[in-house]
Each structure stands twice: as structure tokens, then as C-alpha cells.
């Protein structure tokens, strides 16, 4: 959760500096992905690969 907070803060800082919104959107997307990992809504590719390699799904 702390990494998500850092990304949100970086996004706000980017906007305050007057930088393009697409740069801020990268930070907000990162925050979304980090929060999604906590809730299970998003998962990094390596996490999914590990789940399927460590656990036999379907038995």
C-alpha cells in the first residue's frame, strides 16, 4: 500500500509541476496496479506464473 501512496504522491507532484498529464497517468496506473495486487483485482505476470507453477489447478 505504501508504494501505491508513493505513486499517487508522484502523480500529484507531476501535475503541480505543470508536466503533461500523461506522465501523471503513468503514476496513477501504477498506484491502481499496486492496490489491485492487494485486493486481487490485478496481479503481476510473475505472480500468476508462480501460482500456476506451484499449485496444480484443476485436481
PDB file of N, CA and C in Angstrom:
ATOM      1  N   UNK A   1       0.814  -1.185   0.000  1.00  0.00           N
ATOM      2  CA  UNK A   1       0.000   0.000   0.000  1.00  0.00           C
ATOM      3  C   UNK A   1       0.863   1.257   0.000  1.00  0.00           C
ATOM      4  N   UNK A   2       2.021   1.172   0.614  1.00  0.00           N
ATOM      5  CA  UNK A   2       2.893   2.347   0.655  1.00  0.00           C
ATOM      6  C   UNK A   2       3.403   2.717  -0.733  1.00  0.00           C
ATOM      7  N   UNK A   3       3.645   1.714  -1.564  1.00  0.00           N
ATOM      8  CA  UNK A   3       4.098   2.005  -2.924  1.00  0.00           C
ATOM      9  C   UNK A   3       2.998   2.687  -3.726  1.00  0.00           C
ATOM     10  N   UNK A   4       1.762   2.296  -3.484  1.00  0.00           N
ATOM     11  CA  UNK A   4       0.634   2.944  -4.166  1.00  0.00           C
ATOM     12  C   UNK A   4       0.547   4.401  -3.730  1.00  0.00           C
ATOM     13  N   UNK A   5       0.722   4.641  -2.460  1.00  0.00           N
ATOM     14  CA  UNK A   5       0.677   6.012  -1.938  1.00  0.00           C
ATOM     15  C   UNK A   5       1.792   6.852  -2.549  1.00  0.00           C
ATOM     16  N   UNK A   6       2.972   6.275  -2.660  1.00  0.00           N
ATOM     17  CA  UNK A   6       4.095   6.989  -3.276  1.00  0.00           C
ATOM     18  C   UNK A   6       3.786   7.347  -4.726  1.00  0.00           C
ATOM     19  N   UNK A   7       3.179   6.420  -5.446  1.00  0.00           N
ATOM     20  CA  UNK A   7       2.839   6.687  -6.846  1.00  0.00           C
ATOM     21  C   UNK A   7       1.809   7.797  -6.960  1.00  0.00           C
ATOM     22  N   UNK A   8       0.827   7.791  -6.083  1.00  0.00           N
ATOM     23  CA  UNK A   8      -0.186   8.856  -6.098  1.00  0.00           C
ATOM     24  C   UNK A   8       0.473  10.197  -5.800  1.00  0.00           C
ATOM     25  N   UNK A   9       1.355  10.227  -4.816  1.00  0.00           N
ATOM     26  CA  UNK A   9       2.047  11.473  -4.473  1.00  0.00           C
ATOM     27  C   UNK A   9       2.907  11.968  -5.636  1.00  0.00           C
ATOM     28  N   UNK A  10       3.558  11.043  -6.339  1.00  0.00           N
ATOM     29  CA  UNK A  10       4.354  11.433  -7.509  1.00  0.00           C
ATOM     30  C   UNK A  10       3.461  11.994  -8.613  1.00  0.00           C
ATOM     31  N   UNK A  11       2.284  11.399  -8.777  1.00  0.00           N
ATOM     32  CA  UNK A  11       1.340  11.902  -9.772  1.00  0.00           C
ATOM     33  C   UNK A  11       0.888  13.316  -9.447  1.00  0.00           C
ATOM     34  N   UNK A  12       0.601  13.564  -8.192  1.00  0.00           N
ATOM     35  CA  UNK A  12       0.201  14.910  -7.759  1.00  0.00           C
ATOM     36  C   UNK A  12       1.336  15.895  -7.986  1.00  0.00           C
ATOM     37  N   UNK A  13       2.539  15.488  -7.629  1.00  0.00           N
ATOM     38  CA  UNK A  13       3.710  16.359  -7.824  1.00  0.00           C
ATOM     39  C   UNK A  13       3.912  16.678  -9.305  1.00  0.00           C
ATOM     40  N   UNK A  14       3.717  15.698 -10.142  1.00  0.00           N
ATOM     41  CA  UNK A  14       3.853  15.886 -11.583  1.00  0.00           C
ATOM     42  C   UNK A  14       2.874  16.959 -12.081  1.00  0.00           C
ATOM     43  N   UNK A  15       1.636  16.859 -11.619  1.00  0.00           N
ATOM     44  CA  UNK A  15       0.622  17.844 -12.015  1.00  0.00           C
ATOM     45  C   UNK A  15       0.979  19.230 -11.484  1.00  0.00           C
ATOM     46  N   UNK A  16       1.411  19.286 -10.228  1.00  0.00           N
ATOM     47  CA  UNK A  16       1.767  20.573  -9.627  1.00  0.00           C
ATOM     48  C   UNK A  16       2.934  21.240 -10.356  1.00  0.00           C
ATOM     49  N   UNK A  17       3.827  20.430 -10.910  1.00  0.00           N
ATOM     50  CA  UNK A  17       4.960  20.969 -11.659  1.00  0.00           C
ATOM     51  C   UNK A  17       4.568  21.408 -13.066  1.00  0.00           C
ATOM     52  N   UNK A  18       3.341  21.126 -13.445  1.00  0.00           N
ATOM     53  CA  UNK A  18       2.858  21.519 -14.763  1.00  0.00           C
ATOM     54  C   UNK A  18       3.315  20.604 -15.884  1.00  0.00           C
ATOM     55  N   UNK A  19       3.750  19.399 -15.533  1.00  0.00           N
ATOM     56  CA  UNK A  19       4.170  18.432 -16.546  1.00  0.00           C
ATOM     57  C   UNK A  19       2.934  17.829 -17.215  1.00  0.00           C
ATOM     58  N   UNK A  20       3.116  17.212 -18.382  1.00  0.00           N
ATOM     59  CA  UNK A  20       1.976  16.641 -19.105  1.00  0.00           C
ATOM     60  C   UNK A  20       1.217  15.604 -18.269  1.00  0.00           C
ATOM     61  N   UNK A  21      -0.091  15.580 -18.462  1.00  0.00           N
ATOM     62  CA  UNK A  21      -0.943  14.668 -17.696  1.00  0.00           C
ATOM     63  C   UNK A  21      -0.648  13.201 -17.982  1.00  0.00           C
ATOM     64  N   UNK A  22      -0.139  12.915 -19.195  1.00  0.00           N
ATOM     65  CA  UNK A  22       0.159  11.513 -19.483  1.00  0.00           C
ATOM     66  C   UNK A  22       1.276  10.984 -18.595  1.00  0.00           C
ATOM     67  N   UNK A  23       2.160  11.844 -18.143  1.00  0.00           N
ATOM     68  CA  UNK A  23       3.212  11.418 -17.209  1.00  0.00           C
ATOM     69  C   UNK A  23       2.580  11.095 -15.858  1.00  0.00           C
ATOM     70  N   UNK A  24       1.655  11.936 -15.407  1.00  0.00           N
ATOM     71  CA  UNK A  24       0.964  11.674 -14.146  1.00  0.00           C
ATOM     72  C   UNK A  24       0.132  10.400 -14.242  1.00  0.00           C
ATOM     73  N   UNK A  25      -0.453  10.150 -15.402  1.00  0.00           N
ATOM     74  CA  UNK A  25      -1.299   8.972 -15.552  1.00  0.00           C
ATOM     75  C   UNK A  25      -0.502   7.680 -15.386  1.00  0.00           C
ATOM     76  N   UNK A  26       0.767   7.709 -15.732  1.00  0.00           N
ATOM     77  CA  UNK A  26       1.619   6.535 -15.525  1.00  0.00           C
ATOM     78  C   UNK A  26       1.710   6.228 -14.033  1.00  0.00           C
ATOM     79  N   UNK A  27       1.872   7.272 -13.224  1.00  0.00           N
ATOM     80  CA  UNK A  27       1.947   7.090 -11.777  1.00  0.00           C
ATOM     81  C   UNK A  27       0.627   6.578 -11.218  1.00  0.00           C
ATOM     82  N   UNK A  28      -0.485   7.116 -11.724  1.00  0.00           N
ATOM     83  CA  UNK A  28      -1.791   6.678 -11.228  1.00  0.00           C
ATOM     84  C   UNK A  28      -2.100   5.245 -11.641  1.00  0.00           C
ATOM     85  N   UNK A  29      -1.663   4.868 -12.816  1.00  0.00           N
ATOM     86  CA  UNK A  29      -1.865   3.473 -13.244  1.00  0.00           C
ATOM     87  C   UNK A  29      -1.045   2.541 -12.356  1.00  0.00           C
ATOM     88  N   UNK A  30       0.163   2.955 -12.025  1.00  0.00           N
ATOM     89  CA  UNK A  30       0.995   2.152 -11.136  1.00  0.00           C
ATOM     90  C   UNK A  30       0.326   1.996  -9.771  1.00  0.00           C
ATOM     91  N   UNK A  31      -0.242   3.079  -9.254  1.00  0.00           N
ATOM     92  CA  UNK A  31      -0.946   3.012  -7.970  1.00  0.00           C
ATOM     93  C   UNK A  31      -2.131   2.052  -8.054  1.00  0.00           C
ATOM     94  N   UNK A  32      -2.869   2.126  -9.151  1.00  0.00           N
ATOM     95  CA  UNK A  32      -4.004   1.230  -9.367  1.00  0.00           C
ATOM     96  C   UNK A  32      -3.561  -0.231  -9.362  1.00  0.00           C
ATOM     97  N   UNK A  33      -2.474  -0.517 -10.058  1.00  0.00           N
ATOM     98  CA  UNK A  33      -1.979  -1.890 -10.119  1.00  0.00           C
ATOM     99  C   UNK A  33      -1.509  -2.372  -8.753  1.00  0.00           C
ATOM    100  N   UNK A  34      -0.835  -1.504  -8.013  1.00  0.00           N
ATOM    101  CA  UNK A  34      -0.356  -1.885  -6.674  1.00  0.00           C
ATOM    102  C   UNK A  34      -1.535  -2.173  -5.741  1.00  0.00           C
ATOM    103  N   UNK A  35      -2.560  -1.331  -5.782  1.00  0.00           N
ATOM    104  CA  UNK A  35      -3.737  -1.573  -4.943  1.00  0.00           C
ATOM    105  C   UNK A  35      -4.481  -2.823  -5.410  1.00  0.00           C
ATOM    106  N   UNK A  36      -4.499  -3.045  -6.702  1.00  0.00           N
ATOM    107  CA  UNK A  36      -5.145  -4.241  -7.242  1.00  0.00           C
ATOM    108  C   UNK A  36      -4.469  -5.524  -6.819  1.00  0.00           C
ATOM    109  N   UNK A  37      -3.168  -5.474  -6.601  1.00  0.00           N
ATOM    110  CA  UNK A  37      -2.456  -6.658  -6.108  1.00  0.00           C
ATOM    111  C   UNK A  37      -2.928  -7.011  -4.702  1.00  0.00           C
ATOM    112  N   UNK A  38      -3.240  -5.999  -3.913  1.00  0.00           N
ATOM    113  CA  UNK A  38      -3.715  -6.227  -2.545  1.00  0.00           C
ATOM    114  C   UNK A  38      -5.116  -6.831  -2.569  1.00  0.00           C
ATOM    115  N   UNK A  39      -5.972  -6.294  -3.407  1.00  0.00           N
ATOM    116  CA  UNK A  39      -7.358  -6.749  -3.454  1.00  0.00           C
ATOM    117  C   UNK A  39      -7.556  -7.985  -4.328  1.00  0.00           C
ATOM    118  N   UNK A  40      -6.565  -8.288  -5.148  1.00  0.00           N
ATOM    119  CA  UNK A  40      -6.675  -9.429  -6.050  1.00  0.00           C
ATOM    120  C   UNK A  40      -7.278  -9.074  -7.394  1.00  0.00           C
ATOM    121  N   UNK A  41      -7.560  -7.794  -7.614  1.00  0.00           N
ATOM    122  CA  UNK A  41      -8.136  -7.362  -8.889  1.00  0.00           C
ATOM    123  C   UNK A  41      -7.115  -7.345 -10.008  1.00  0.00           C
ATOM    124  N   UNK A  42      -5.862  -7.102  -9.678  1.00  0.00           N
ATOM    125  CA  UNK A  42      -4.784  -7.146 -10.666  1.00  0.00           C
ATOM    126  C   UNK A  42      -3.666  -7.998 -10.088  1.00  0.00           C
ATOM    127  N   UNK A  43      -2.902  -8.581 -10.950  1.00  0.00           N
ATOM    128  CA  UNK A  43      -1.767  -9.376 -10.499  1.00  0.00           C
ATOM    129  C   UNK A  43      -0.676  -9.300 -11.548  1.00  0.00           C
ATOM    130  N   UNK A  44       0.531  -9.187 -11.082  1.00  0.00           N
ATOM    131  CA  UNK A  44       1.665  -9.148 -11.995  1.00  0.00           C
ATOM    132  C   UNK A  44       1.823 -10.509 -12.663  1.00  0.00           C
ATOM    133  N   UNK A  45       2.328 -10.486 -13.861  1.00  0.00           N
ATOM    134  CA  UNK A  45       2.507 -11.711 -14.650  1.00  0.00           C
ATOM    135  C   UNK A  45       3.324 -12.757 -13.885  1.00  0.00           C
ATOM    136  N   UNK A  46       4.375 -12.326 -13.185  1.00  0.00           N
ATOM    137  CA  UNK A  46       5.214 -13.280 -12.455  1.00  0.00           C
ATOM    138  C   UNK A  46       4.462 -13.933 -11.301  1.00  0.00           C
ATOM    139  N   UNK A  47       3.532 -13.214 -10.688  1.00  0.00           N
ATOM    140  CA  UNK A  47       2.739 -13.800  -9.607  1.00  0.00           C
ATOM    141  C   UNK A  47       1.818 -14.874 -10.168  1.00  0.00           C
ATOM    142  N   UNK A  48       1.182 -14.597 -11.280  1.00  0.00           N
ATOM    143  CA  UNK A  48       0.293 -15.581 -11.908  1.00  0.00           C
ATOM    144  C   UNK A  48       1.085 -16.814 -12.320  1.00  0.00           C
ATOM    145  N   UNK A  49       2.253 -16.611 -12.928  1.00  0.00           N
ATOM    146  CA  UNK A  49       3.091 -17.742 -13.333  1.00  0.00           C
ATOM    147  C   UNK A  49       3.482 -18.589 -12.125  1.00  0.00           C
ATOM    148  N   UNK A  50       3.804 -17.955 -11.022  1.00  0.00           N
ATOM    149  CA  UNK A  50       4.214 -18.695  -9.819  1.00  0.00           C
ATOM    150  C   UNK A  50       3.053 -19.503  -9.263  1.00  0.00           C
ATOM    151  N   UNK A  51       1.871 -18.920  -9.261  1.00  0.00           N
ATOM    152  CA  UNK A  51       0.696 -19.659  -8.762  1.00  0.00           C
ATOM    153  C   UNK A  51       0.483 -20.917  -9.584  1.00  0.00           C
ATOM    154  N   UNK A  52       0.540 -20.789 -10.915  1.00  0.00           N
ATOM    155  CA  UNK A  52       0.305 -21.956 -11.746  1.00  0.00           C
ATOM    156  C   UNK A  52       1.440 -22.962 -11.694  1.00  0.00           C
ATOM    157  N   UNK A  53       2.659 -22.510 -11.418  1.00  0.00           N
ATOM    158  CA  UNK A  53       3.765 -23.455 -11.349  1.00  0.00           C
ATOM    159  C   UNK A  53       3.830 -24.149  -9.982  1.00  0.00           C
ATOM    160  N   UNK A  54       3.386 -23.453  -8.918  1.00  0.00           N
ATOM    161  CA  UNK A  54       3.471 -24.028  -7.568  1.00  0.00           C
ATOM    162  C   UNK A  54       2.253 -24.837  -7.186  1.00  0.00           C
ATOM    163  N   UNK A  55       1.110 -24.549  -7.779  1.00  0.00           N
ATOM    164  CA  UNK A  55      -0.114 -25.225  -7.424  1.00  0.00           C
ATOM    165  C   UNK A  55      -0.726 -25.867  -8.661  1.00  0.00           C
ATOM    166  N   UNK A  56      -1.158 -27.067  -8.478  1.00  0.00           N
ATOM    167  CA  UNK A  56      -1.785 -27.767  -9.592  1.00  0.00           C
ATOM    168  C   UNK A  56      -3.258 -27.407  -9.593  1.00  0.00           C
ATOM    169  N   UNK A  57      -3.657 -26.583 -10.527  1.00  0.00           N
ATOM    170  CA  UNK A  57      -5.041 -26.150 -10.629  1.00  0.00           C
ATOM    171  C   UNK A  57      -5.843 -27.222 -11.367  1.00  0.00           C
ATOM    172  N   UNK A  58      -7.002 -27.566 -10.852  1.00  0.00           N
ATOM    173  CA  UNK A  58      -7.892 -28.493 -11.542  1.00  0.00           C
ATOM    174  C   UNK A  58      -7.870 -29.896 -10.995  1.00  0.00           C
ATOM    175  N   UNK A  59      -7.070 -30.189  -9.994  1.00  0.00           N
ATOM    176  CA  UNK A  59      -7.096 -31.535  -9.404  1.00  0.00           C
ATOM    177  C   UNK A  59      -8.037 -31.595  -8.247  1.00  0.00           C
TER     178      UNK A  59
END
